[in-house]
Amino acid sequence: MVDTIDTTASAIAASANLVKMIRQKFNYTVEDLAIACGLTVDELNGIEMGENAEPGKLHRIAHSVGLPDDIAGAAH
């Protein structure tokens, strides 16, 4: 199995934003995802811009859309 953390770190380094891609895949607006995961719109915007992507926040995002926790660990 490919190490998802290394793979995602490479994607982020290449300006890909996994959180934004996941949100769009689920057809969520930032506001929708904020309600679903309990974070603020400002927090989500910051994460999508590559700021403050704390593991706990990423786990909340993944859980809110039904993704496994290891996906959340890959996003930072």
PDB file of N, CA and C in Angstrom:
ATOM      1  N   MET A   1       0.848  -1.183   0.000  1.00  0.00           N
ATOM      2  CA  MET A   1       0.000   0.000   0.000  1.00  0.00           C
ATOM      3  C   MET A   1       0.889   1.240   0.000  1.00  0.00           C
ATOM      4  N   VAL A   2       0.546   2.160  -0.853  1.00  0.00           N
ATOM      5  CA  VAL A   2       1.293   3.417  -0.934  1.00  0.00           C
ATOM      6  C   VAL A   2       1.047   4.222   0.333  1.00  0.00           C
ATOM      7  N   ASP A   3       2.061   4.829   0.828  1.00  0.00           N
ATOM      8  CA  ASP A   3       1.932   5.650   2.024  1.00  0.00           C
ATOM      9  C   ASP A   3       1.121   6.895   1.678  1.00  0.00           C
ATOM     10  N   THR A   4      -0.125   6.937   2.131  1.00  0.00           N
ATOM     11  CA  THR A   4      -1.022   8.035   1.758  1.00  0.00           C
ATOM     12  C   THR A   4      -0.533   9.377   2.272  1.00  0.00           C
ATOM     13  N   ILE A   5       0.166   9.390   3.379  1.00  0.00           N
ATOM     14  CA  ILE A   5       0.668  10.669   3.904  1.00  0.00           C
ATOM     15  C   ILE A   5       1.698  11.249   2.945  1.00  0.00           C
ATOM     16  N   ASP A   6       2.636  10.428   2.505  1.00  0.00           N
ATOM     17  CA  ASP A   6       3.642  10.918   1.558  1.00  0.00           C
ATOM     18  C   ASP A   6       3.005  11.328   0.238  1.00  0.00           C
ATOM     19  N   THR A   7       2.051  10.540  -0.235  1.00  0.00           N
ATOM     20  CA  THR A   7       1.387  10.846  -1.495  1.00  0.00           C
ATOM     21  C   THR A   7       0.650  12.171  -1.415  1.00  0.00           C
ATOM     22  N   THR A   8      -0.074  12.379  -0.339  1.00  0.00           N
ATOM     23  CA  THR A   8      -0.836  13.614  -0.201  1.00  0.00           C
ATOM     24  C   THR A   8       0.074  14.802   0.051  1.00  0.00           C
ATOM     25  N   ALA A   9       1.127  14.598   0.801  1.00  0.00           N
ATOM     26  CA  ALA A   9       2.084  15.690   1.021  1.00  0.00           C
ATOM     27  C   ALA A   9       2.648  16.153  -0.310  1.00  0.00           C
ATOM     28  N   SER A  10       2.919  15.216  -1.200  1.00  0.00           N
ATOM     29  CA  SER A  10       3.405  15.572  -2.534  1.00  0.00           C
ATOM     30  C   SER A  10       2.345  16.344  -3.307  1.00  0.00           C
ATOM     31  N   ALA A  11       1.098  15.920  -3.176  1.00  0.00           N
ATOM     32  CA  ALA A  11       0.008  16.601  -3.872  1.00  0.00           C
ATOM     33  C   ALA A  11      -0.156  18.019  -3.356  1.00  0.00           C
ATOM     34  N   ILE A  12      -0.073  18.185  -2.040  1.00  0.00           N
ATOM     35  CA  ILE A  12      -0.190  19.528  -1.462  1.00  0.00           C
ATOM     36  C   ILE A  12       0.976  20.390  -1.920  1.00  0.00           C
ATOM     37  N   ALA A  13       2.160  19.810  -1.948  1.00  0.00           N
ATOM     38  CA  ALA A  13       3.331  20.555  -2.412  1.00  0.00           C
ATOM     39  C   ALA A  13       3.157  20.997  -3.857  1.00  0.00           C
ATOM     40  N   ALA A  14       2.375  20.248  -4.621  1.00  0.00           N
ATOM     41  CA  ALA A  14       2.123  20.587  -6.025  1.00  0.00           C
ATOM     42  C   ALA A  14       0.883  21.471  -6.153  1.00  0.00           C
ATOM     43  N   SER A  15       0.487  22.100  -5.058  1.00  0.00           N
ATOM     44  CA  SER A  15      -0.656  23.020  -5.002  1.00  0.00           C
ATOM     45  C   SER A  15      -2.008  22.347  -5.165  1.00  0.00           C
ATOM     46  N   ALA A  16      -2.062  21.050  -5.035  1.00  0.00           N
ATOM     47  CA  ALA A  16      -3.360  20.368  -5.019  1.00  0.00           C
ATOM     48  C   ALA A  16      -3.906  20.502  -3.605  1.00  0.00           C
ATOM     49  N   ASN A  17      -5.195  20.670  -3.463  1.00  0.00           N
ATOM     50  CA  ASN A  17      -5.778  20.797  -2.132  1.00  0.00           C
ATOM     51  C   ASN A  17      -6.792  19.691  -1.938  1.00  0.00           C
ATOM     52  N   LEU A  18      -6.408  18.686  -1.179  1.00  0.00           N
ATOM     53  CA  LEU A  18      -7.239  17.516  -0.966  1.00  0.00           C
ATOM     54  C   LEU A  18      -8.558  17.862  -0.282  1.00  0.00           C
ATOM     55  N   VAL A  19      -8.534  18.731   0.696  1.00  0.00           N
ATOM     56  CA  VAL A  19      -9.768  19.084   1.402  1.00  0.00           C
ATOM     57  C   VAL A  19     -10.753  19.738   0.439  1.00  0.00           C
ATOM     58  N   LYS A  20     -10.284  20.648  -0.353  1.00  0.00           N
ATOM     59  CA  LYS A  20     -11.165  21.312  -1.317  1.00  0.00           C
ATOM     60  C   LYS A  20     -11.683  20.314  -2.353  1.00  0.00           C
ATOM     61  N   MET A  21     -10.814  19.421  -2.812  1.00  0.00           N
ATOM     62  CA  MET A  21     -11.251  18.430  -3.793  1.00  0.00           C
ATOM     63  C   MET A  21     -12.306  17.502  -3.202  1.00  0.00           C
ATOM     64  N   ILE A  22     -12.111  17.097  -1.957  1.00  0.00           N
ATOM     65  CA  ILE A  22     -13.102  16.245  -1.295  1.00  0.00           C
ATOM     66  C   ILE A  22     -14.419  16.997  -1.146  1.00  0.00           C
ATOM     67  N   ARG A  23     -14.339  18.245  -0.688  1.00  0.00           N
ATOM     68  CA  ARG A  23     -15.562  19.047  -0.505  1.00  0.00           C
ATOM     69  C   ARG A  23     -16.318  19.167  -1.818  1.00  0.00           C
ATOM     70  N   GLN A  24     -15.616  19.461  -2.884  1.00  0.00           N
ATOM     71  CA  GLN A  24     -16.264  19.609  -4.186  1.00  0.00           C
ATOM     72  C   GLN A  24     -16.810  18.279  -4.686  1.00  0.00           C
ATOM     73  N   LYS A  25     -16.104  17.187  -4.433  1.00  0.00           N
ATOM     74  CA  LYS A  25     -16.568  15.860  -4.845  1.00  0.00           C
ATOM     75  C   LYS A  25     -17.909  15.531  -4.210  1.00  0.00           C
ATOM     76  N   PHE A  26     -18.099  15.967  -2.983  1.00  0.00           N
ATOM     77  CA  PHE A  26     -19.351  15.721  -2.274  1.00  0.00           C
ATOM     78  C   PHE A  26     -20.385  16.829  -2.516  1.00  0.00           C
ATOM     79  N   ASN A  27     -20.066  17.737  -3.420  1.00  0.00           N
ATOM     80  CA  ASN A  27     -20.967  18.852  -3.757  1.00  0.00           C
ATOM     81  C   ASN A  27     -21.347  19.689  -2.547  1.00  0.00           C
ATOM     82  N   TYR A  28     -20.375  19.913  -1.655  1.00  0.00           N
ATOM     83  CA  TYR A  28     -20.589  20.746  -0.484  1.00  0.00           C
ATOM     84  C   TYR A  28     -20.025  22.134  -0.752  1.00  0.00           C
ATOM     85  N   THR A  29     -20.751  23.137  -0.307  1.00  0.00           N
ATOM     86  CA  THR A  29     -20.170  24.475  -0.243  1.00  0.00           C
ATOM     87  C   THR A  29     -19.323  24.521   1.026  1.00  0.00           C
ATOM     88  N   VAL A  30     -18.532  25.557   1.180  1.00  0.00           N
ATOM     89  CA  VAL A  30     -17.762  25.705   2.419  1.00  0.00           C
ATOM     90  C   VAL A  30     -18.721  25.778   3.601  1.00  0.00           C
ATOM     91  N   GLU A  31     -19.831  26.473   3.418  1.00  0.00           N
ATOM     92  CA  GLU A  31     -20.823  26.609   4.481  1.00  0.00           C
ATOM     93  C   GLU A  31     -21.425  25.253   4.844  1.00  0.00           C
ATOM     94  N   ASP A  32     -21.750  24.423   3.830  1.00  0.00           N
ATOM     95  CA  ASP A  32     -22.293  23.089   4.084  1.00  0.00           C
ATOM     96  C   ASP A  32     -21.322  22.253   4.910  1.00  0.00           C
ATOM     97  N   LEU A  33     -20.057  22.264   4.503  1.00  0.00           N
ATOM     98  CA  LEU A  33     -19.056  21.462   5.199  1.00  0.00           C
ATOM     99  C   LEU A  33     -18.829  21.989   6.608  1.00  0.00           C
ATOM    100  N   ALA A  34     -18.875  23.298   6.780  1.00  0.00           N
ATOM    101  CA  ALA A  34     -18.712  23.875   8.120  1.00  0.00           C
ATOM    102  C   ALA A  34     -19.794  23.357   9.059  1.00  0.00           C
ATOM    103  N   ILE A  35     -21.010  23.319   8.578  1.00  0.00           N
ATOM    104  CA  ILE A  35     -22.119  22.805   9.397  1.00  0.00           C
ATOM    105  C   ILE A  35     -21.916  21.318   9.677  1.00  0.00           C
ATOM    106  N   ALA A  36     -21.531  20.562   8.664  1.00  0.00           N
ATOM    107  CA  ALA A  36     -21.384  19.117   8.800  1.00  0.00           C
ATOM    108  C   ALA A  36     -20.272  18.720   9.767  1.00  0.00           C
ATOM    109  N   CYS A  37     -19.163  19.466   9.763  1.00  0.00           N
ATOM    110  CA  CYS A  37     -18.014  19.052  10.582  1.00  0.00           C
ATOM    111  C   CYS A  37     -17.838  19.874  11.847  1.00  0.00           C
ATOM    112  N   GLY A  38     -18.585  20.954  11.993  1.00  0.00           N
ATOM    113  CA  GLY A  38     -18.500  21.754  13.204  1.00  0.00           C
ATOM    114  C   GLY A  38     -17.348  22.740  13.248  1.00  0.00           C
ATOM    115  N   LEU A  39     -16.736  22.982  12.100  1.00  0.00           N
ATOM    116  CA  LEU A  39     -15.699  24.013  12.026  1.00  0.00           C
ATOM    117  C   LEU A  39     -16.322  25.288  11.472  1.00  0.00           C
ATOM    118  N   THR A  40     -15.628  26.386  11.606  1.00  0.00           N
ATOM    119  CA  THR A  40     -16.137  27.633  11.044  1.00  0.00           C
ATOM    120  C   THR A  40     -15.758  27.743   9.571  1.00  0.00           C
ATOM    121  N   VAL A  41     -16.469  28.590   8.867  1.00  0.00           N
ATOM    122  CA  VAL A  41     -16.143  28.855   7.464  1.00  0.00           C
ATOM    123  C   VAL A  41     -14.717  29.383   7.358  1.00  0.00           C
ATOM    124  N   ASP A  42     -14.325  30.258   8.274  1.00  0.00           N
ATOM    125  CA  ASP A  42     -12.964  30.795   8.254  1.00  0.00           C
ATOM    126  C   ASP A  42     -11.915  29.700   8.452  1.00  0.00           C
ATOM    127  N   GLU A  43     -12.197  28.759   9.356  1.00  0.00           N
ATOM    128  CA  GLU A  43     -11.263  27.654   9.565  1.00  0.00           C
ATOM    129  C   GLU A  43     -11.121  26.816   8.289  1.00  0.00           C
ATOM    130  N   LEU A  44     -12.249  26.510   7.658  1.00  0.00           N
ATOM    131  CA  LEU A  44     -12.206  25.715   6.432  1.00  0.00           C
ATOM    132  C   LEU A  44     -11.508  26.458   5.305  1.00  0.00           C
ATOM    133  N   ASN A  45     -11.795  27.740   5.183  1.00  0.00           N
ATOM    134  CA  ASN A  45     -11.101  28.521   4.142  1.00  0.00           C
ATOM    135  C   ASN A  45      -9.596  28.500   4.375  1.00  0.00           C
ATOM    136  N   GLY A  46      -9.188  28.624   5.626  1.00  0.00           N
ATOM    137  CA  GLY A  46      -7.765  28.572   5.945  1.00  0.00           C
ATOM    138  C   GLY A  46      -7.151  27.230   5.596  1.00  0.00           C
ATOM    139  N   ILE A  47      -7.850  26.150   5.928  1.00  0.00           N
ATOM    140  CA  ILE A  47      -7.352  24.816   5.602  1.00  0.00           C
ATOM    141  C   ILE A  47      -7.225  24.651   4.097  1.00  0.00           C
ATOM    142  N   GLU A  48      -8.222  25.120   3.360  1.00  0.00           N
ATOM    143  CA  GLU A  48      -8.171  25.011   1.906  1.00  0.00           C
ATOM    144  C   GLU A  48      -7.055  25.859   1.298  1.00  0.00           C
ATOM    145  N   MET A  49      -6.613  26.868   2.028  1.00  0.00           N
ATOM    146  CA  MET A  49      -5.510  27.705   1.554  1.00  0.00           C
ATOM    147  C   MET A  49      -4.167  27.184   2.063  1.00  0.00           C
ATOM    148  N   GLY A  50      -4.192  26.053   2.768  1.00  0.00           N
ATOM    149  CA  GLY A  50      -2.960  25.449   3.248  1.00  0.00           C
ATOM    150  C   GLY A  50      -2.512  25.922   4.613  1.00  0.00           C
ATOM    151  N   GLU A  51      -3.393  26.578   5.343  1.00  0.00           N
ATOM    152  CA  GLU A  51      -3.065  27.084   6.668  1.00  0.00           C
ATOM    153  C   GLU A  51      -3.756  26.251   7.745  1.00  0.00           C
ATOM    154  N   ASN A  52      -3.074  26.029   8.846  1.00  0.00           N
ATOM    155  CA  ASN A  52      -3.689  25.464  10.047  1.00  0.00           C
ATOM    156  C   ASN A  52      -4.456  24.171   9.809  1.00  0.00           C
ATOM    157  N   ALA A  53      -3.883  23.256   9.060  1.00  0.00           N
ATOM    158  CA  ALA A  53      -4.531  21.973   8.793  1.00  0.00           C
ATOM    159  C   ALA A  53      -4.171  20.982   9.890  1.00  0.00           C
ATOM    160  N   GLU A  54      -4.671  21.245  11.087  1.00  0.00           N
ATOM    161  CA  GLU A  54      -4.394  20.385  12.235  1.00  0.00           C
ATOM    162  C   GLU A  54      -5.040  19.015  12.024  1.00  0.00           C
ATOM    163  N   PRO A  55      -4.374  17.948  12.452  1.00  0.00           N
ATOM    164  CA  PRO A  55      -4.926  16.604  12.264  1.00  0.00           C
ATOM    165  C   PRO A  55      -6.339  16.431  12.813  1.00  0.00           C
ATOM    166  N   GLY A  56      -6.626  17.008  13.969  1.00  0.00           N
ATOM    167  CA  GLY A  56      -7.964  16.879  14.543  1.00  0.00           C
ATOM    168  C   GLY A  56      -9.038  17.485  13.653  1.00  0.00           C
ATOM    169  N   LYS A  57      -8.730  18.610  13.051  1.00  0.00           N
ATOM    170  CA  LYS A  57      -9.678  19.257  12.143  1.00  0.00           C
ATOM    171  C   LYS A  57      -9.873  18.416  10.888  1.00  0.00           C
ATOM    172  N   LEU A  58      -8.785  17.850  10.395  1.00  0.00           N
ATOM    173  CA  LEU A  58      -8.877  17.022   9.196  1.00  0.00           C
ATOM    174  C   LEU A  58      -9.684  15.759   9.455  1.00  0.00           C
ATOM    175  N   HIS A  59      -9.543  15.197  10.647  1.00  0.00           N
ATOM    176  CA  HIS A  59     -10.339  14.020  11.016  1.00  0.00           C
ATOM    177  C   HIS A  59     -11.819  14.376  11.074  1.00  0.00           C
ATOM    178  N   ARG A  60     -12.137  15.531  11.608  1.00  0.00           N
ATOM    179  CA  ARG A  60     -13.538  15.973  11.675  1.00  0.00           C
ATOM    180  C   ARG A  60     -14.119  16.128  10.280  1.00  0.00           C
ATOM    181  N   ILE A  61     -13.336  16.697   9.371  1.00  0.00           N
ATOM    182  CA  ILE A  61     -13.796  16.880   7.992  1.00  0.00           C
ATOM    183  C   ILE A  61     -14.043  15.520   7.343  1.00  0.00           C
ATOM    184  N   ALA A  62     -13.060  14.625   7.461  1.00  0.00           N
ATOM    185  CA  ALA A  62     -13.198  13.291   6.854  1.00  0.00           C
ATOM    186  C   ALA A  62     -14.404  12.565   7.422  1.00  0.00           C
ATOM    187  N   HIS A  63     -14.551  12.593   8.730  1.00  0.00           N
ATOM    188  CA  HIS A  63     -15.671  11.909   9.380  1.00  0.00           C
ATOM    189  C   HIS A  63     -17.016  12.470   8.918  1.00  0.00           C
ATOM    190  N   SER A  64     -17.088  13.771   8.726  1.00  0.00           N
ATOM    191  CA  SER A  64     -18.364  14.405   8.359  1.00  0.00           C
ATOM    192  C   SER A  64     -18.857  14.005   6.974  1.00  0.00           C
ATOM    193  N   VAL A  65     -17.948  13.575   6.097  1.00  0.00           N
ATOM    194  CA  VAL A  65     -18.365  13.139   4.758  1.00  0.00           C
ATOM    195  C   VAL A  65     -18.273  11.621   4.619  1.00  0.00           C
ATOM    196  N   GLY A  66     -17.998  10.927   5.720  1.00  0.00           N
ATOM    197  CA  GLY A  66     -18.002   9.471   5.716  1.00  0.00           C
ATOM    198  C   GLY A  66     -16.730   8.822   5.187  1.00  0.00           C
ATOM    199  N   LEU A  67     -15.640   9.560   5.180  1.00  0.00           N
ATOM    200  CA  LEU A  67     -14.359   8.996   4.730  1.00  0.00           C
ATOM    201  C   LEU A  67     -13.620   8.389   5.909  1.00  0.00           C
ATOM    202  N   PRO A  68     -12.777   7.392   5.649  1.00  0.00           N
ATOM    203  CA  PRO A  68     -12.004   6.806   6.742  1.00  0.00           C
ATOM    204  C   PRO A  68     -10.975   7.795   7.299  1.00  0.00           C
ATOM    205  N   ASP A  69     -10.627   7.608   8.555  1.00  0.00           N
ATOM    206  CA  ASP A  69      -9.702   8.519   9.220  1.00  0.00           C
ATOM    207  C   ASP A  69      -8.332   8.581   8.563  1.00  0.00           C
ATOM    208  N   ASP A  70      -7.888   7.517   7.901  1.00  0.00           N
ATOM    209  CA  ASP A  70      -6.552   7.559   7.303  1.00  0.00           C
ATOM    210  C   ASP A  70      -6.488   8.551   6.149  1.00  0.00           C
ATOM    211  N   ILE A  71      -7.632   8.881   5.543  1.00  0.00           N
ATOM    212  CA  ILE A  71      -7.677   9.920   4.520  1.00  0.00           C
ATOM    213  C   ILE A  71      -7.365  11.268   5.148  1.00  0.00           C
ATOM    214  N   ALA A  72      -7.919  11.506   6.335  1.00  0.00           N
ATOM    215  CA  ALA A  72      -7.687  12.773   7.019  1.00  0.00           C
ATOM    216  C   ALA A  72      -6.220  12.947   7.348  1.00  0.00           C
ATOM    217  N   GLY A  73      -5.565  11.895   7.769  1.00  0.00           N
ATOM    218  CA  GLY A  73      -4.147  11.973   8.077  1.00  0.00           C
ATOM    219  C   GLY A  73      -3.327  12.280   6.843  1.00  0.00           C
ATOM    220  N   ALA A  74      -3.826  11.920   5.698  1.00  0.00           N
ATOM    221  CA  ALA A  74      -3.107  12.150   4.450  1.00  0.00           C
ATOM    222  C   ALA A  74      -3.182  13.591   4.001  1.00  0.00           C
ATOM    223  N   ALA A  75      -4.128  14.339   4.507  1.00  0.00           N
ATOM    224  CA  ALA A  75      -4.349  15.696   4.009  1.00  0.00           C
ATOM    225  C   ALA A  75      -3.429  16.729   4.633  1.00  0.00           C
ATOM    226  N   HIS A  76      -2.573  16.340   5.555  1.00  0.00           N
ATOM    227  CA  HIS A  76      -1.667  17.334   6.139  1.00  0.00           C
ATOM    228  C   HIS A  76      -0.231  16.979   5.944  1.00  0.00           C
TER     229      HIS A  76
END
